[in-house]
């Protein structure tokens, strides 16, 4: 990419960061193929990398525009976009490396209904009650993190650390339940 085009991208991002909504569409039009190709290269080894790369690229542009007020006008928007994209792609690869998606019914051969007997229904209700009691013992900050997780919101570094601590607390509270 030549210097003039890169300078135009940075100028468009500066306008967006100052609140000029008319600069969003041209900037997105310029960034989309670049970010999409970057994500595709990073995720091409995964089984459905093409689908994931489009989704991740879209999320990157959304995050870029949501965080536009944080843009350093002396910085480079393309470098910033690629940094966000790299982080998102690495997170996606780690997520799929850690937990392959296998339906529970195939794994253990049960019926489609996980609560197929009265006993399992009672166990599920007891477990839910234990979980609700454990959640009541969490701090307000931990409850905020749990709420963000349940809503599927992306977590920043601070919230991810709080999530780790909250999971440790919940494990301690549930130690007797799962033995």
C-alpha atoms as a PDB file:
ATOM      1  CA  UNK A   1       0.000   0.000   0.000  1.00  0.00           C
ATOM      2  CA  UNK A   2       1.420   3.380  -0.955  1.00  0.00           C
ATOM      3  CA  UNK A   3       1.969   6.200   1.520  1.00  0.00           C
ATOM      4  CA  UNK A   4      -0.782   8.419   0.079  1.00  0.00           C
ATOM      5  CA  UNK A   5      -3.450   5.718   0.457  1.00  0.00           C
ATOM      6  CA  UNK A   6      -2.276   4.910   3.982  1.00  0.00           C
ATOM      7  CA  UNK A   7      -2.321   8.609   4.895  1.00  0.00           C
ATOM      8  CA  UNK A   8      -5.878   8.835   3.518  1.00  0.00           C
ATOM      9  CA  UNK A   9      -6.905   5.898   5.736  1.00  0.00           C
ATOM     10  CA  UNK A  10      -5.382   7.573   8.774  1.00  0.00           C
ATOM     11  CA  UNK A  11      -7.109  10.861   7.941  1.00  0.00           C
ATOM     12  CA  UNK A  12     -10.456   9.083   7.558  1.00  0.00           C
ATOM     13  CA  UNK A  13      -9.969   7.379  10.936  1.00  0.00           C
ATOM     14  CA  UNK A  14      -9.069  10.719  12.506  1.00  0.00           C
ATOM     15  CA  UNK A  15     -12.366  12.120  11.196  1.00  0.00           C
ATOM     16  CA  UNK A  16     -14.272   9.123  12.567  1.00  0.00           C
ATOM     17  CA  UNK A  17     -12.569   9.543  15.941  1.00  0.00           C
ATOM     18  CA  UNK A  18     -13.715  13.162  15.983  1.00  0.00           C
ATOM     19  CA  UNK A  19     -17.306  12.077  15.354  1.00  0.00           C
ATOM     20  CA  UNK A  20     -17.640  12.463  11.578  1.00  0.00           C
ATOM     21  CA  UNK A  21     -20.012   9.627  10.733  1.00  0.00           C
ATOM     22  CA  UNK A  22     -19.759  10.280   6.985  1.00  0.00           C
ATOM     23  CA  UNK A  23     -16.166   8.981   7.073  1.00  0.00           C
ATOM     24  CA  UNK A  24     -17.167   5.549   8.407  1.00  0.00           C
ATOM     25  CA  UNK A  25     -18.451   4.024   5.157  1.00  0.00           C
ATOM     26  CA  UNK A  26     -15.471   4.959   2.944  1.00  0.00           C
ATOM     27  CA  UNK A  27     -13.051   3.835   5.655  1.00  0.00           C
ATOM     28  CA  UNK A  28     -14.879   0.536   6.106  1.00  0.00           C
ATOM     29  CA  UNK A  29     -14.890   0.016   2.329  1.00  0.00           C
ATOM     30  CA  UNK A  30     -11.101   0.453   2.259  1.00  0.00           C
ATOM     31  CA  UNK A  31     -10.337  -1.590   5.390  1.00  0.00           C
ATOM     32  CA  UNK A  32     -12.719  -4.512   4.772  1.00  0.00           C
ATOM     33  CA  UNK A  33     -10.740  -6.354   2.064  1.00  0.00           C
ATOM     34  CA  UNK A  34      -7.448  -5.818   3.895  1.00  0.00           C
ATOM     35  CA  UNK A  35      -8.703  -7.018   7.283  1.00  0.00           C
ATOM     36  CA  UNK A  36     -10.664  -9.865   5.685  1.00  0.00           C
ATOM     37  CA  UNK A  37      -7.593 -11.125   3.788  1.00  0.00           C
ATOM     38  CA  UNK A  38      -5.477 -10.849   6.944  1.00  0.00           C
ATOM     39  CA  UNK A  39      -8.008 -12.874   8.969  1.00  0.00           C
ATOM     40  CA  UNK A  40      -8.363 -15.424   6.182  1.00  0.00           C
ATOM     41  CA  UNK A  41      -4.586 -15.999   6.156  1.00  0.00           C
ATOM     42  CA  UNK A  42      -4.490 -16.385   9.926  1.00  0.00           C
ATOM     43  CA  UNK A  43      -7.428 -18.806  10.070  1.00  0.00           C
ATOM     44  CA  UNK A  44      -6.982 -20.678   6.771  1.00  0.00           C
ATOM     45  CA  UNK A  45      -5.676 -23.828   8.474  1.00  0.00           C
ATOM     46  CA  UNK A  46      -8.856 -24.337  10.503  1.00  0.00           C
ATOM     47  CA  UNK A  47     -11.727 -26.441   9.177  1.00  0.00           C
ATOM     48  CA  UNK A  48     -14.092 -23.589   8.342  1.00  0.00           C
ATOM     49  CA  UNK A  49     -11.557 -20.768   8.320  1.00  0.00           C
ATOM     50  CA  UNK A  50     -13.223 -18.895   5.456  1.00  0.00           C
ATOM     51  CA  UNK A  51     -16.487 -18.550   7.353  1.00  0.00           C
ATOM     52  CA  UNK A  52     -14.680 -17.673  10.569  1.00  0.00           C
ATOM     53  CA  UNK A  53     -12.427 -15.150   8.867  1.00  0.00           C
ATOM     54  CA  UNK A  54     -15.398 -13.189   7.517  1.00  0.00           C
ATOM     55  CA  UNK A  55     -17.020 -13.172  10.949  1.00  0.00           C
ATOM     56  CA  UNK A  56     -13.812 -12.150  12.700  1.00  0.00           C
ATOM     57  CA  UNK A  57     -13.102  -9.421  10.130  1.00  0.00           C
ATOM     58  CA  UNK A  58     -16.584  -8.027  10.684  1.00  0.00           C
ATOM     59  CA  UNK A  59     -16.069  -8.076  14.464  1.00  0.00           C
ATOM     60  CA  UNK A  60     -12.720  -6.306  14.022  1.00  0.00           C
ATOM     61  CA  UNK A  61     -14.286  -3.463  12.044  1.00  0.00           C
ATOM     62  CA  UNK A  62     -17.101  -3.137  14.568  1.00  0.00           C
ATOM     63  CA  UNK A  63     -14.598  -2.977  17.434  1.00  0.00           C
ATOM     64  CA  UNK A  64     -12.457  -0.504  15.507  1.00  0.00           C
ATOM     65  CA  UNK A  65     -15.381   1.870  15.034  1.00  0.00           C
ATOM     66  CA  UNK A  66     -16.691   1.371  18.569  1.00  0.00           C
ATOM     67  CA  UNK A  67     -13.254   2.254  19.931  1.00  0.00           C
ATOM     68  CA  UNK A  68     -12.599   5.033  17.417  1.00  0.00           C
ATOM     69  CA  UNK A  69     -12.423   7.626  20.202  1.00  0.00           C
ATOM     70  CA  UNK A  70      -9.298   5.792  21.455  1.00  0.00           C
ATOM     71  CA  UNK A  71      -7.498   6.229  18.118  1.00  0.00           C
ATOM     72  CA  UNK A  72      -4.145   7.988  18.408  1.00  0.00           C
ATOM     73  CA  UNK A  73      -4.133  10.471  15.517  1.00  0.00           C
ATOM     74  CA  UNK A  74      -0.350  10.092  15.309  1.00  0.00           C
ATOM     75  CA  UNK A  75      -0.760   6.318  14.931  1.00  0.00           C
ATOM     76  CA  UNK A  76      -1.593   4.090  11.992  1.00  0.00           C
ATOM     77  CA  UNK A  77      -5.136   2.780  11.608  1.00  0.00           C
ATOM     78  CA  UNK A  78      -4.061  -0.215   9.514  1.00  0.00           C
ATOM     79  CA  UNK A  79      -1.577  -1.345  12.176  1.00  0.00           C
ATOM     80  CA  UNK A  80      -4.262  -0.922  14.825  1.00  0.00           C
ATOM     81  CA  UNK A  81      -6.798  -2.897  12.774  1.00  0.00           C
ATOM     82  CA  UNK A  82      -4.285  -5.699  12.154  1.00  0.00           C
ATOM     83  CA  UNK A  83      -3.395  -5.829  15.859  1.00  0.00           C
ATOM     84  CA  UNK A  84      -7.061  -6.236  16.783  1.00  0.00           C
ATOM     85  CA  UNK A  85      -7.509  -8.821  14.027  1.00  0.00           C
ATOM     86  CA  UNK A  86      -4.441 -10.795  15.117  1.00  0.00           C
ATOM     87  CA  UNK A  87      -5.681 -10.899  18.704  1.00  0.00           C
ATOM     88  CA  UNK A  88      -9.157 -12.025  17.624  1.00  0.00           C
ATOM     89  CA  UNK A  89      -7.794 -14.690  15.261  1.00  0.00           C
ATOM     90  CA  UNK A  90      -5.407 -16.091  17.882  1.00  0.00           C
ATOM     91  CA  UNK A  91      -8.250 -16.223  20.386  1.00  0.00           C
ATOM     92  CA  UNK A  92     -10.439 -18.044  17.867  1.00  0.00           C
ATOM     93  CA  UNK A  93      -7.713 -20.597  17.112  1.00  0.00           C
ATOM     94  CA  UNK A  94      -7.099 -21.195  20.822  1.00  0.00           C
ATOM     95  CA  UNK A  95     -10.811 -21.617  21.450  1.00  0.00           C
ATOM     96  CA  UNK A  96     -11.124 -24.304  18.793  1.00  0.00           C
ATOM     97  CA  UNK A  97      -7.890 -26.001  19.812  1.00  0.00           C
ATOM     98  CA  UNK A  98      -9.038 -26.305  23.448  1.00  0.00           C
ATOM     99  CA  UNK A  99     -12.571 -27.495  23.017  1.00  0.00           C
ATOM    100  CA  UNK A 100     -13.598 -29.445  19.960  1.00  0.00           C
ATOM    101  CA  UNK A 101     -17.327 -29.208  19.392  1.00  0.00           C
ATOM    102  CA  UNK A 102     -18.802 -32.647  20.030  1.00  0.00           C
ATOM    103  CA  UNK A 103     -22.495 -32.938  20.803  1.00  0.00           C
ATOM    104  CA  UNK A 104     -23.025 -34.463  24.227  1.00  0.00           C
ATOM    105  CA  UNK A 105     -25.528 -37.004  22.892  1.00  0.00           C
ATOM    106  CA  UNK A 106     -22.941 -38.454  20.481  1.00  0.00           C
ATOM    107  CA  UNK A 107     -20.221 -38.498  23.098  1.00  0.00           C
ATOM    108  CA  UNK A 108     -22.069 -40.576  25.698  1.00  0.00           C
ATOM    109  CA  UNK A 109     -24.916 -42.000  23.626  1.00  0.00           C
ATOM    110  CA  UNK A 110     -27.839 -40.543  25.556  1.00  0.00           C
ATOM    111  CA  UNK A 111     -31.184 -39.448  24.213  1.00  0.00           C
ATOM    112  CA  UNK A 112     -31.741 -35.916  22.882  1.00  0.00           C
ATOM    113  CA  UNK A 113     -33.431 -34.925  26.147  1.00  0.00           C
ATOM    114  CA  UNK A 114     -30.742 -34.438  28.826  1.00  0.00           C
ATOM    115  CA  UNK A 115     -33.413 -34.592  31.555  1.00  0.00           C
ATOM    116  CA  UNK A 116     -35.075 -37.838  30.546  1.00  0.00           C
ATOM    117  CA  UNK A 117     -35.965 -39.175  33.991  1.00  0.00           C
ATOM    118  CA  UNK A 118     -37.516 -37.715  37.140  1.00  0.00           C
ATOM    119  CA  UNK A 119     -34.257 -38.385  39.005  1.00  0.00           C
ATOM    120  CA  UNK A 120     -32.177 -36.413  36.523  1.00  0.00           C
ATOM    121  CA  UNK A 121     -34.760 -33.618  36.610  1.00  0.00           C
ATOM    122  CA  UNK A 122     -34.408 -33.394  40.411  1.00  0.00           C
ATOM    123  CA  UNK A 123     -30.610 -33.495  40.163  1.00  0.00           C
ATOM    124  CA  UNK A 124     -30.686 -30.658  37.618  1.00  0.00           C
ATOM    125  CA  UNK A 125     -32.941 -28.582  39.876  1.00  0.00           C
ATOM    126  CA  UNK A 126     -30.686 -29.213  42.876  1.00  0.00           C
ATOM    127  CA  UNK A 127     -27.632 -28.234  40.853  1.00  0.00           C
ATOM    128  CA  UNK A 128     -29.369 -25.067  39.660  1.00  0.00           C
ATOM    129  CA  UNK A 129     -30.242 -24.159  43.267  1.00  0.00           C
ATOM    130  CA  UNK A 130     -26.620 -24.772  44.349  1.00  0.00           C
ATOM    131  CA  UNK A 131     -25.404 -22.574  41.498  1.00  0.00           C
ATOM    132  CA  UNK A 132     -27.827 -19.773  42.417  1.00  0.00           C
ATOM    133  CA  UNK A 133     -26.611 -19.932  46.023  1.00  0.00           C
ATOM    134  CA  UNK A 134     -22.999 -19.758  44.865  1.00  0.00           C
ATOM    135  CA  UNK A 135     -23.756 -16.760  42.643  1.00  0.00           C
ATOM    136  CA  UNK A 136     -25.320 -14.957  45.608  1.00  0.00           C
ATOM    137  CA  UNK A 137     -21.988 -15.258  47.427  1.00  0.00           C
ATOM    138  CA  UNK A 138     -20.044 -13.570  44.588  1.00  0.00           C
ATOM    139  CA  UNK A 139     -18.993  -9.931  44.792  1.00  0.00           C
ATOM    140  CA  UNK A 140     -20.855  -7.339  42.696  1.00  0.00           C
ATOM    141  CA  UNK A 141     -17.879  -7.132  40.290  1.00  0.00           C
ATOM    142  CA  UNK A 142     -17.901 -10.915  39.837  1.00  0.00           C
ATOM    143  CA  UNK A 143     -21.640 -10.780  39.163  1.00  0.00           C
ATOM    144  CA  UNK A 144     -21.026  -8.138  36.469  1.00  0.00           C
ATOM    145  CA  UNK A 145     -18.477 -10.400  34.789  1.00  0.00           C
ATOM    146  CA  UNK A 146     -20.845 -13.362  34.977  1.00  0.00           C
ATOM    147  CA  UNK A 147     -23.601 -11.242  33.469  1.00  0.00           C
ATOM    148  CA  UNK A 148     -21.285 -10.191  30.612  1.00  0.00           C
ATOM    149  CA  UNK A 149     -20.364 -13.828  29.970  1.00  0.00           C
ATOM    150  CA  UNK A 150     -24.000 -14.937  29.937  1.00  0.00           C
ATOM    151  CA  UNK A 151     -24.851 -12.137  27.509  1.00  0.00           C
ATOM    152  CA  UNK A 152     -21.967 -13.183  25.252  1.00  0.00           C
ATOM    153  CA  UNK A 153     -20.218  -9.814  25.469  1.00  0.00           C
ATOM    154  CA  UNK A 154     -16.509  -9.663  24.598  1.00  0.00           C
ATOM    155  CA  UNK A 155     -14.271  -9.406  27.630  1.00  0.00           C
ATOM    156  CA  UNK A 156     -11.292  -7.074  27.816  1.00  0.00           C
ATOM    157  CA  UNK A 157      -8.101  -8.041  29.660  1.00  0.00           C
ATOM    158  CA  UNK A 158      -9.355  -6.804  33.038  1.00  0.00           C
ATOM    159  CA  UNK A 159     -12.643  -8.662  32.746  1.00  0.00           C
ATOM    160  CA  UNK A 160     -10.883 -11.852  31.580  1.00  0.00           C
ATOM    161  CA  UNK A 161      -8.725 -11.738  34.717  1.00  0.00           C
ATOM    162  CA  UNK A 162     -11.822 -11.167  36.869  1.00  0.00           C
ATOM    163  CA  UNK A 163     -13.450 -14.113  35.078  1.00  0.00           C
ATOM    164  CA  UNK A 164     -10.506 -16.355  36.019  1.00  0.00           C
ATOM    165  CA  UNK A 165     -10.801 -15.317  39.661  1.00  0.00           C
ATOM    166  CA  UNK A 166     -14.572 -15.770  39.627  1.00  0.00           C
ATOM    167  CA  UNK A 167     -14.228 -19.290  38.205  1.00  0.00           C
ATOM    168  CA  UNK A 168     -11.783 -20.174  40.997  1.00  0.00           C
ATOM    169  CA  UNK A 169     -14.281 -18.876  43.575  1.00  0.00           C
ATOM    170  CA  UNK A 170     -17.124 -20.852  42.017  1.00  0.00           C
ATOM    171  CA  UNK A 171     -14.981 -24.013  41.957  1.00  0.00           C
ATOM    172  CA  UNK A 172     -14.270 -23.616  45.663  1.00  0.00           C
ATOM    173  CA  UNK A 173     -17.968 -23.160  46.390  1.00  0.00           C
ATOM    174  CA  UNK A 174     -18.830 -26.264  44.337  1.00  0.00           C
ATOM    175  CA  UNK A 175     -16.062 -28.561  45.609  1.00  0.00           C
ATOM    176  CA  UNK A 176     -18.442 -30.562  47.780  1.00  0.00           C
ATOM    177  CA  UNK A 177     -21.157 -30.751  45.124  1.00  0.00           C
ATOM    178  CA  UNK A 178     -19.096 -32.515  42.435  1.00  0.00           C
ATOM    179  CA  UNK A 179     -17.253 -35.092  44.578  1.00  0.00           C
END
